[in-house]
PDB file of N, CA and C in Angstrom:
ATOM      1  N   MET A   1      42.058 152.796  86.447  1.00  0.00           N
ATOM      2  CA  MET A   1      42.413 154.177  86.128  1.00  0.00           C
ATOM      3  C   MET A   1      41.202 154.873  85.512  1.00  0.00           C
ATOM      4  N   THR A   2      41.113 156.128  85.789  1.00  0.00           N
ATOM      5  CA  THR A   2      40.012 156.887  85.217  1.00  0.00           C
ATOM      6  C   THR A   2      40.352 157.296  83.783  1.00  0.00           C
ATOM      7  N   ALA A   3      39.352 157.774  83.088  1.00  0.00           N
ATOM      8  CA  ALA A   3      39.545 158.200  81.697  1.00  0.00           C
ATOM      9  C   ALA A   3      40.582 159.312  81.604  1.00  0.00           C
ATOM     10  N   PHE A   4      40.605 160.183  82.583  1.00  0.00           N
ATOM     11  CA  PHE A   4      41.562 161.284  82.589  1.00  0.00           C
ATOM     12  C   PHE A   4      42.998 160.764  82.552  1.00  0.00           C
ATOM     13  N   TRP A   5      43.304 159.761  83.366  1.00  0.00           N
ATOM     14  CA  TRP A   5      44.669 159.238  83.421  1.00  0.00           C
ATOM     15  C   TRP A   5      45.033 158.471  82.159  1.00  0.00           C
ATOM     16  N   TRP A   6      44.041 157.814  81.533  1.00  0.00           N
ATOM     17  CA  TRP A   6      44.327 157.140  80.270  1.00  0.00           C
ATOM     18  C   TRP A   6      44.639 158.155  79.175  1.00  0.00           C
ATOM     19  N   ILE A   7      43.926 159.260  79.185  1.00  0.00           N
ATOM     20  CA  ILE A   7      44.211 160.321  78.203  1.00  0.00           C
ATOM     21  C   ILE A   7      45.593 160.916  78.460  1.00  0.00           C
ATOM     22  N   ILE A   8      45.922 161.144  79.712  1.00  0.00           N
ATOM     23  CA  ILE A   8      47.259 161.666  80.067  1.00  0.00           C
ATOM     24  C   ILE A   8      48.343 160.680  79.635  1.00  0.00           C
ATOM     25  N   ALA A   9      48.117 159.375  79.825  1.00  0.00           N
ATOM     26  CA  ALA A   9      49.104 158.368  79.422  1.00  0.00           C
ATOM     27  C   ALA A   9      49.306 158.389  77.907  1.00  0.00           C
ATOM     28  N   ALA A  10      48.215 158.492  77.157  1.00  0.00           N
ATOM     29  CA  ALA A  10      48.323 158.513  75.696  1.00  0.00           C
ATOM     30  C   ALA A  10      49.039 159.771  75.214  1.00  0.00           C
ATOM     31  N   VAL A  11      48.698 160.910  75.773  1.00  0.00           N
ATOM     32  CA  VAL A  11      49.349 162.165  75.380  1.00  0.00           C
ATOM     33  C   VAL A  11      50.822 162.155  75.798  1.00  0.00           C
ATOM     34  N   GLY A  12      51.107 161.615  76.966  1.00  0.00           N
ATOM     35  CA  GLY A  12      52.493 161.516  77.425  1.00  0.00           C
ATOM     36  C   GLY A  12      53.338 160.626  76.531  1.00  0.00           C
ATOM     37  N   MET A  13      52.772 159.525  76.078  1.00  0.00           N
ATOM     38  CA  MET A  13      53.499 158.637  75.174  1.00  0.00           C
ATOM     39  C   MET A  13      53.745 159.301  73.827  1.00  0.00           C
ATOM     40  N   LEU A  14      52.742 160.027  73.353  1.00  0.00           N
ATOM     41  CA  LEU A  14      52.899 160.758  72.096  1.00  0.00           C
ATOM     42  C   LEU A  14      53.992 161.817  72.216  1.00  0.00           C
ATOM     43  N   ALA A  15      53.993 162.547  73.328  1.00  0.00           N
ATOM     44  CA  ALA A  15      55.018 163.570  73.546  1.00  0.00           C
ATOM     45  C   ALA A  15      56.400 162.940  73.700  1.00  0.00           C
ATOM     46  N   ALA A  16      56.486 161.826  74.409  1.00  0.00           N
ATOM     47  CA  ALA A  16      57.779 161.152  74.586  1.00  0.00           C
ATOM     48  C   ALA A  16      58.342 160.691  73.256  1.00  0.00           C
ATOM     49  N   GLY A  17      57.481 160.152  72.401  1.00  0.00           N
ATOM     50  CA  GLY A  17      57.935 159.728  71.073  1.00  0.00           C
ATOM     51  C   GLY A  17      58.417 160.891  70.239  1.00  0.00           C
ATOM     52  N   ARG A  18      57.757 162.024  70.367  1.00  0.00           N
ATOM     53  CA  ARG A  18      58.154 163.208  69.604  1.00  0.00           C
ATOM     54  C   ARG A  18      59.436 163.836  70.137  1.00  0.00           C
ATOM     55  N   ILE A  19      59.794 163.551  71.359  1.00  0.00           N
ATOM     56  CA  ILE A  19      61.031 164.088  71.937  1.00  0.00           C
ATOM     57  C   ILE A  19      62.196 163.122  71.719  1.00  0.00           C
ATOM     58  N   VAL A  20      61.961 161.830  71.926  1.00  0.00           N
ATOM     59  CA  VAL A  20      63.038 160.834  71.859  1.00  0.00           C
ATOM     60  C   VAL A  20      63.610 160.701  70.452  1.00  0.00           C
ATOM     61  N   VAL A  21      62.743 160.674  69.440  1.00  0.00           N
ATOM     62  CA  VAL A  21      63.234 160.442  68.078  1.00  0.00           C
ATOM     63  C   VAL A  21      64.167 161.555  67.619  1.00  0.00           C
ATOM     64  N   PRO A  22      63.780 162.831  67.663  1.00  0.00           N
ATOM     65  CA  PRO A  22      64.696 163.850  67.149  1.00  0.00           C
ATOM     66  C   PRO A  22      65.865 164.191  68.077  1.00  0.00           C
ATOM     67  N   ARG A  23      65.724 163.911  69.360  1.00  0.00           N
ATOM     68  CA  ARG A  23      66.787 164.308  70.288  1.00  0.00           C
ATOM     69  C   ARG A  23      67.725 163.195  70.694  1.00  0.00           C
ATOM     70  N   VAL A  24      67.313 161.945  70.494  1.00  0.00           N
ATOM     71  CA  VAL A  24      68.168 160.824  70.901  1.00  0.00           C
ATOM     72  C   VAL A  24      68.527 159.938  69.709  1.00  0.00           C
ATOM     73  N   ILE A  25      67.526 159.448  68.990  1.00  0.00           N
ATOM     74  CA  ILE A  25      67.773 158.459  67.946  1.00  0.00           C
ATOM     75  C   ILE A  25      68.462 159.072  66.731  1.00  0.00           C
ATOM     76  N   VAL A  26      67.943 160.173  66.222  1.00  0.00           N
ATOM     77  CA  VAL A  26      68.523 160.780  65.009  1.00  0.00           C
ATOM     78  C   VAL A  26      69.950 161.283  65.251  1.00  0.00           C
ATOM     79  N   PRO A  27      70.261 161.976  66.374  1.00  0.00           N
ATOM     80  CA  PRO A  27      71.669 162.355  66.590  1.00  0.00           C
ATOM     81  C   PRO A  27      72.615 161.160  66.724  1.00  0.00           C
ATOM     82  N   ALA A  28      72.143 160.073  67.355  1.00  0.00           N
ATOM     83  CA  ALA A  28      72.995 158.877  67.455  1.00  0.00           C
ATOM     84  C   ALA A  28      73.219 158.267  66.074  1.00  0.00           C
ATOM     85  N   TRP A  29      72.212 158.294  65.236  1.00  0.00           N
ATOM     86  CA  TRP A  29      72.350 157.778  63.865  1.00  0.00           C
ATOM     87  C   TRP A  29      73.315 158.644  63.065  1.00  0.00           C
ATOM     88  N   ARG A  30      73.187 159.967  63.202  1.00  0.00           N
ATOM     89  CA  ARG A  30      74.086 160.871  62.472  1.00  0.00           C
ATOM     90  C   ARG A  30      75.532 160.727  62.923  1.00  0.00           C
ATOM     91  N   ALA A  31      75.731 160.444  64.197  1.00  0.00           N
ATOM     92  CA  ALA A  31      77.085 160.278  64.719  1.00  0.00           C
ATOM     93  C   ALA A  31      77.672 158.911  64.388  1.00  0.00           C
ATOM     94  N   GLY A  32      76.869 158.022  63.823  1.00  0.00           N
ATOM     95  CA  GLY A  32      77.360 156.712  63.440  1.00  0.00           C
ATOM     96  C   GLY A  32      77.232 155.652  64.515  1.00  0.00           C
ATOM     97  N   ARG A  33      76.605 155.974  65.635  1.00  0.00           N
ATOM     98  CA  ARG A  33      76.437 154.993  66.708  1.00  0.00           C
ATOM     99  C   ARG A  33      75.290 154.030  66.435  1.00  0.00           C
ATOM    100  N   LEU A  34      74.401 154.384  65.506  1.00  0.00           N
ATOM    101  CA  LEU A  34      73.290 153.512  65.113  1.00  0.00           C
ATOM    102  C   LEU A  34      73.332 153.301  63.611  1.00  0.00           C
ATOM    103  N   SER A  35      73.099 152.077  63.190  1.00  0.00           N
ATOM    104  CA  SER A  35      73.005 151.803  61.753  1.00  0.00           C
ATOM    105  C   SER A  35      71.633 152.245  61.254  1.00  0.00           C
ATOM    106  N   ASP A  36      71.473 152.246  59.933  1.00  0.00           N
ATOM    107  CA  ASP A  36      70.176 152.586  59.346  1.00  0.00           C
ATOM    108  C   ASP A  36      69.093 151.634  59.837  1.00  0.00           C
ATOM    109  N   GLU A  37      69.435 150.355  59.887  1.00  0.00           N
ATOM    110  CA  GLU A  37      68.468 149.334  60.305  1.00  0.00           C
ATOM    111  C   GLU A  37      68.024 149.540  61.744  1.00  0.00           C
ATOM    112  N   ARG A  38      68.983 149.707  62.625  1.00  0.00           N
ATOM    113  CA  ARG A  38      68.659 149.846  64.048  1.00  0.00           C
ATOM    114  C   ARG A  38      67.898 151.130  64.324  1.00  0.00           C
ATOM    115  N   ALA A  39      68.267 152.211  63.676  1.00  0.00           N
ATOM    116  CA  ALA A  39      67.543 153.468  63.854  1.00  0.00           C
ATOM    117  C   ALA A  39      66.108 153.336  63.363  1.00  0.00           C
ATOM    118  N   ALA A  40      65.925 152.666  62.226  1.00  0.00           N
ATOM    119  CA  ALA A  40      64.570 152.467  61.701  1.00  0.00           C
ATOM    120  C   ALA A  40      63.733 151.601  62.632  1.00  0.00           C
ATOM    121  N   VAL A  41      64.334 150.570  63.200  1.00  0.00           N
ATOM    122  CA  VAL A  41      63.609 149.711  64.138  1.00  0.00           C
ATOM    123  C   VAL A  41      63.201 150.508  65.383  1.00  0.00           C
ATOM    124  N   LEU A  42      64.111 151.307  65.919  1.00  0.00           N
ATOM    125  CA  LEU A  42      63.792 152.086  67.115  1.00  0.00           C
ATOM    126  C   LEU A  42      62.687 153.109  66.853  1.00  0.00           C
ATOM    127  N   VAL A  43      62.740 153.779  65.720  1.00  0.00           N
ATOM    128  CA  VAL A  43      61.705 154.766  65.396  1.00  0.00           C
ATOM    129  C   VAL A  43      60.367 154.069  65.185  1.00  0.00           C
ATOM    130  N   SER A  44      60.359 152.961  64.453  1.00  0.00           N
ATOM    131  CA  SER A  44      59.087 152.269  64.206  1.00  0.00           C
ATOM    132  C   SER A  44      58.520 151.672  65.492  1.00  0.00           C
ATOM    133  N   LEU A  45      59.361 151.168  66.386  1.00  0.00           N
ATOM    134  CA  LEU A  45      58.868 150.674  67.670  1.00  0.00           C
ATOM    135  C   LEU A  45      58.316 151.800  68.532  1.00  0.00           C
ATOM    136  N   SER A  46      58.963 152.955  68.482  1.00  0.00           N
ATOM    137  CA  SER A  46      58.458 154.113  69.222  1.00  0.00           C
ATOM    138  C   SER A  46      57.068 154.501  68.727  1.00  0.00           C
ATOM    139  N   ARG A  47      56.906 154.521  67.421  1.00  0.00           N
ATOM    140  CA  ARG A  47      55.599 154.869  66.851  1.00  0.00           C
ATOM    141  C   ARG A  47      54.563 153.793  67.144  1.00  0.00           C
ATOM    142  N   GLY A  48      54.946 152.529  67.032  1.00  0.00           N
ATOM    143  CA  GLY A  48      54.019 151.442  67.315  1.00  0.00           C
ATOM    144  C   GLY A  48      53.580 151.409  68.763  1.00  0.00           C
ATOM    145  N   LEU A  49      54.517 151.682  69.675  1.00  0.00           N
ATOM    146  CA  LEU A  49      54.182 151.739  71.096  1.00  0.00           C
ATOM    147  C   LEU A  49      53.226 152.885  71.381  1.00  0.00           C
ATOM    148  N   THR A  50      53.445 154.009  70.728  1.00  0.00           N
ATOM    149  CA  THR A  50      52.543 155.146  70.895  1.00  0.00           C
ATOM    150  C   THR A  50      51.134 154.790  70.432  1.00  0.00           C
ATOM    151  N   ILE A  51      51.020 154.175  69.267  1.00  0.00           N
ATOM    152  CA  ILE A  51      49.710 153.770  68.750  1.00  0.00           C
ATOM    153  C   ILE A  51      49.071 152.739  69.680  1.00  0.00           C
ATOM    154  N   GLY A  52      49.866 151.807  70.176  1.00  0.00           N
ATOM    155  CA  GLY A  52      49.338 150.802  71.107  1.00  0.00           C
ATOM    156  C   GLY A  52      48.790 151.419  72.377  1.00  0.00           C
ATOM    157  N   VAL A  53      49.492 152.393  72.941  1.00  0.00           N
ATOM    158  CA  VAL A  53      49.011 153.066  74.153  1.00  0.00           C
ATOM    159  C   VAL A  53      47.744 153.854  73.869  1.00  0.00           C
ATOM    160  N   ILE A  54      47.681 154.497  72.708  1.00  0.00           N
ATOM    161  CA  ILE A  54      46.477 155.247  72.356  1.00  0.00           C
ATOM    162  C   ILE A  54      45.282 154.292  72.211  1.00  0.00           C
ATOM    163  N   VAL A  55      45.481 153.151  71.561  1.00  0.00           N
ATOM    164  CA  VAL A  55      44.398 152.169  71.409  1.00  0.00           C
ATOM    165  C   VAL A  55      43.993 151.613  72.769  1.00  0.00           C
ATOM    166  N   LEU A  56      44.966 151.290  73.612  1.00  0.00           N
ATOM    167  CA  LEU A  56      44.663 150.773  74.946  1.00  0.00           C
ATOM    168  C   LEU A  56      43.900 151.799  75.770  1.00  0.00           C
ATOM    169  N   ALA A  57      44.278 153.049  75.652  1.00  0.00           N
ATOM    170  CA  ALA A  57      43.549 154.105  76.359  1.00  0.00           C
ATOM    171  C   ALA A  57      42.109 154.177  75.873  1.00  0.00           C
ATOM    172  N   GLY A  58      41.922 154.113  74.573  1.00  0.00           N
ATOM    173  CA  GLY A  58      40.563 154.140  74.031  1.00  0.00           C
ATOM    174  C   GLY A  58      39.739 152.959  74.483  1.00  0.00           C
ATOM    175  N   VAL A  59      40.341 151.780  74.503  1.00  0.00           N
ATOM    176  CA  VAL A  59      39.636 150.567  74.940  1.00  0.00           C
ATOM    177  C   VAL A  59      39.209 150.708  76.398  1.00  0.00           C
ATOM    178  N   ASN A  60      40.084 151.213  77.229  1.00  0.00           N
ATOM    179  CA  ASN A  60      39.763 151.325  78.650  1.00  0.00           C
ATOM    180  C   ASN A  60      38.806 152.473  78.943  1.00  0.00           C
ATOM    181  N   ILE A  61      38.869 153.533  78.169  1.00  0.00           N
ATOM    182  CA  ILE A  61      37.927 154.634  78.364  1.00  0.00           C
ATOM    183  C   ILE A  61      36.513 154.179  78.002  1.00  0.00           C
ATOM    184  N   VAL A  62      36.397 153.424  76.914  1.00  0.00           N
ATOM    185  CA  VAL A  62      35.086 152.922  76.485  1.00  0.00           C
ATOM    186  C   VAL A  62      34.557 151.882  77.475  1.00  0.00           C
ATOM    187  N   GLY A  63      35.451 151.184  78.152  1.00  0.00           N
ATOM    188  CA  GLY A  63      35.037 150.235  79.173  1.00  0.00           C
ATOM    189  C   GLY A  63      34.984 148.796  78.701  1.00  0.00           C
ATOM    190  N   LEU A  64      35.742 148.462  77.680  1.00  0.00           N
ATOM    191  CA  LEU A  64      35.798 147.081  77.221  1.00  0.00           C
ATOM    192  C   LEU A  64      36.662 146.256  78.171  1.00  0.00           C
ATOM    193  N   GLN A  65      36.638 144.951  78.013  1.00  0.00           N
ATOM    194  CA  GLN A  65      37.424 144.088  78.887  1.00  0.00           C
ATOM    195  C   GLN A  65      38.911 144.320  78.665  1.00  0.00           C
ATOM    196  N   LEU A  66      39.694 144.187  79.724  1.00  0.00           N
ATOM    197  CA  LEU A  66      41.112 144.535  79.674  1.00  0.00           C
ATOM    198  C   LEU A  66      41.935 143.590  78.796  1.00  0.00           C
ATOM    199  N   LEU A  67      41.795 142.275  78.939  1.00  0.00           N
ATOM    200  CA  LEU A  67      42.652 141.352  78.192  1.00  0.00           C
ATOM    201  C   LEU A  67      42.439 141.437  76.679  1.00  0.00           C
ATOM    202  N   PRO A  68      41.195 141.373  76.178  1.00  0.00           N
ATOM    203  CA  PRO A  68      41.041 141.543  74.728  1.00  0.00           C
ATOM    204  C   PRO A  68      41.501 142.918  74.246  1.00  0.00           C
ATOM    205  N   GLY A  69      41.281 143.936  75.061  1.00  0.00           N
ATOM    206  CA  GLY A  69      41.737 145.276  74.698  1.00  0.00           C
ATOM    207  C   GLY A  69      43.246 145.361  74.649  1.00  0.00           C
ATOM    208  N   LEU A  70      43.908 144.717  75.609  1.00  0.00           N
ATOM    209  CA  LEU A  70      45.369 144.709  75.634  1.00  0.00           C
ATOM    210  C   LEU A  70      45.922 143.961  74.423  1.00  0.00           C
ATOM    211  N   LEU A  71      45.336 142.820  74.114  1.00  0.00           N
ATOM    212  CA  LEU A  71      45.789 142.065  72.943  1.00  0.00           C
ATOM    213  C   LEU A  71      45.558 142.838  71.651  1.00  0.00           C
ATOM    214  N   THR A  72      44.441 143.536  71.575  1.00  0.00           N
ATOM    215  CA  THR A  72      44.162 144.361  70.398  1.00  0.00           C
ATOM    216  C   THR A  72      45.177 145.484  70.283  1.00  0.00           C
ATOM    217  N   ALA A  73      45.476 146.146  71.390  1.00  0.00           N
ATOM    218  CA  ALA A  73      46.439 147.243  71.367  1.00  0.00           C
ATOM    219  C   ALA A  73      47.826 146.759  70.957  1.00  0.00           C
ATOM    220  N   VAL A  74      48.244 145.607  71.474  1.00  0.00           N
ATOM    221  CA  VAL A  74      49.553 145.051  71.112  1.00  0.00           C
ATOM    222  C   VAL A  74      49.581 144.689  69.631  1.00  0.00           C
ATOM    223  N   ALA A  75      48.512 144.068  69.149  1.00  0.00           N
ATOM    224  CA  ALA A  75      48.462 143.676  67.735  1.00  0.00           C
ATOM    225  C   ALA A  75      48.500 144.892  66.817  1.00  0.00           C
ATOM    226  N   ILE A  76      47.727 145.908  67.132  1.00  0.00           N
ATOM    227  CA  ILE A  76      47.707 147.115  66.299  1.00  0.00           C
ATOM    228  C   ILE A  76      49.062 147.810  66.340  1.00  0.00           C
ATOM    229  N   GLY A  77      49.677 147.890  67.523  1.00  0.00           N
ATOM    230  CA  GLY A  77      50.995 148.507  67.636  1.00  0.00           C
ATOM    231  C   GLY A  77      52.048 147.769  66.835  1.00  0.00           C
ATOM    232  N   LEU A  78      52.016 146.430  66.880  1.00  0.00           N
ATOM    233  CA  LEU A  78      52.985 145.644  66.109  1.00  0.00           C
ATOM    234  C   LEU A  78      52.775 145.787  64.612  1.00  0.00           C
ATOM    235  N   VAL A  79      51.522 145.750  64.188  1.00  0.00           N
ATOM    236  CA  VAL A  79      51.239 145.915  62.757  1.00  0.00           C
ATOM    237  C   VAL A  79      51.701 147.278  62.286  1.00  0.00           C
ATOM    238  N   TYR A  80      51.440 148.301  63.073  1.00  0.00           N
ATOM    239  CA  TYR A  80      51.867 149.654  62.710  1.00  0.00           C
ATOM    240  C   TYR A  80      53.390 149.738  62.642  1.00  0.00           C
ATOM    241  N   SER A  81      54.077 149.110  63.602  1.00  0.00           N
ATOM    242  CA  SER A  81      55.544 149.122  63.607  1.00  0.00           C
ATOM    243  C   SER A  81      56.117 148.428  62.386  1.00  0.00           C
ATOM    244  N   VAL A  82      55.612 147.243  62.099  1.00  0.00           N
ATOM    245  CA  VAL A  82      56.137 146.463  60.971  1.00  0.00           C
ATOM    246  C   VAL A  82      55.822 147.156  59.642  1.00  0.00           C
ATOM    247  N   ALA A  83      54.618 147.698  59.532  1.00  0.00           N
ATOM    248  CA  ALA A  83      54.234 148.359  58.288  1.00  0.00           C
ATOM    249  C   ALA A  83      55.059 149.617  58.037  1.00  0.00           C
ATOM    250  N   GLY A  84      55.389 150.332  59.078  1.00  0.00           N
ATOM    251  CA  GLY A  84      56.140 151.563  58.903  1.00  0.00           C
ATOM    252  C   GLY A  84      57.642 151.389  58.842  1.00  0.00           C
ATOM    253  N   TRP A  85      58.137 150.217  59.254  1.00  0.00           N
ATOM    254  CA  TRP A  85      59.581 150.006  59.343  1.00  0.00           C
ATOM    255  C   TRP A  85      60.286 150.162  58.000  1.00  0.00           C
ATOM    256  N   ARG A  86      59.723 149.606  56.949  1.00  0.00           N
ATOM    257  CA  ARG A  86      60.391 149.678  55.638  1.00  0.00           C
ATOM    258  C   ARG A  86      60.474 151.110  55.134  1.00  0.00           C
ATOM    259  N   ALA A  87      59.405 151.865  55.315  1.00  0.00           N
ATOM    260  CA  ALA A  87      59.413 153.259  54.866  1.00  0.00           C
ATOM    261  C   ALA A  87      60.400 154.085  55.685  1.00  0.00           C
ATOM    262  N   ILE A  88      60.467 153.828  56.966  1.00  0.00           N
ATOM    263  CA  ILE A  88      61.403 154.564  57.826  1.00  0.00           C
ATOM    264  C   ILE A  88      62.841 154.185  57.481  1.00  0.00           C
ATOM    265  N   ARG A  89      63.083 152.902  57.239  1.00  0.00           N
ATOM    266  CA  ARG A  89      64.428 152.455  56.843  1.00  0.00           C
ATOM    267  C   ARG A  89      64.842 153.115  55.531  1.00  0.00           C
ATOM    268  N   HIS A  90      63.916 153.188  54.590  1.00  0.00           N
ATOM    269  CA  HIS A  90      64.187 153.844  53.314  1.00  0.00           C
ATOM    270  C   HIS A  90      64.530 155.321  53.531  1.00  0.00           C
ATOM    271  N   MET A  91      63.816 155.961  54.440  1.00  0.00           N
ATOM    272  CA  MET A  91      64.078 157.357  54.747  1.00  0.00           C
ATOM    273  C   MET A  91      65.501 157.538  55.303  1.00  0.00           C
ATOM    274  N   PHE A  92      65.909 156.667  56.214  1.00  0.00           N
ATOM    275  CA  PHE A  92      67.263 156.765  56.777  1.00  0.00           C
ATOM    276  C   PHE A  92      68.320 156.515  55.699  1.00  0.00           C
ATOM    277  N   ARG A  93      68.086 155.544  54.842  1.00  0.00           N
ATOM    278  CA  ARG A  93      69.065 155.247  53.781  1.00  0.00           C
ATOM    279  C   ARG A  93      69.179 156.388  52.783  1.00  0.00           C
ATOM    280  N   GLN A  94      68.089 157.025  52.445  1.00  0.00           N
ATOM    281  CA  GLN A  94      68.112 158.145  51.494  1.00  0.00           C
ATOM    282  C   GLN A  94      68.757 159.393  52.082  1.00  0.00           C
ATOM    283  N   SER A  95      68.768 159.494  53.412  1.00  0.00           N
ATOM    284  CA  SER A  95      69.314 160.687  54.066  1.00  0.00           C
ATOM    285  C   SER A  95      70.825 160.647  54.184  1.00  0.00           C
ATOM    286  N   ARG A  96      71.449 159.541  53.933  1.00  0.00           N
ATOM    287  CA  ARG A  96      72.925 159.441  54.059  1.00  0.00           C
ATOM    288  C   ARG A  96      73.606 160.192  52.955  1.00  0.00           C
TER     289      ARG A  96
END
């Protein structure tokens, strides 16, 4: 893929995360279909996936090898998800 398509993929993932959370996850949580825990996990995974795609796009635009870049992107996305999960869970619990 060219750099243009990697940038489009990263921007698309960022936009998808910004649409899915307020229009799908939060209304389901407010309606009681999602618990605080599950909503926090979904939001943190959405954010972690977005960060992972952005890192992967950067790795591929710079021209580094794909496998180490993919592993780096997955690791950064997971760390971001896990680190943000507690704060997001706290936010959902305080909003009740």
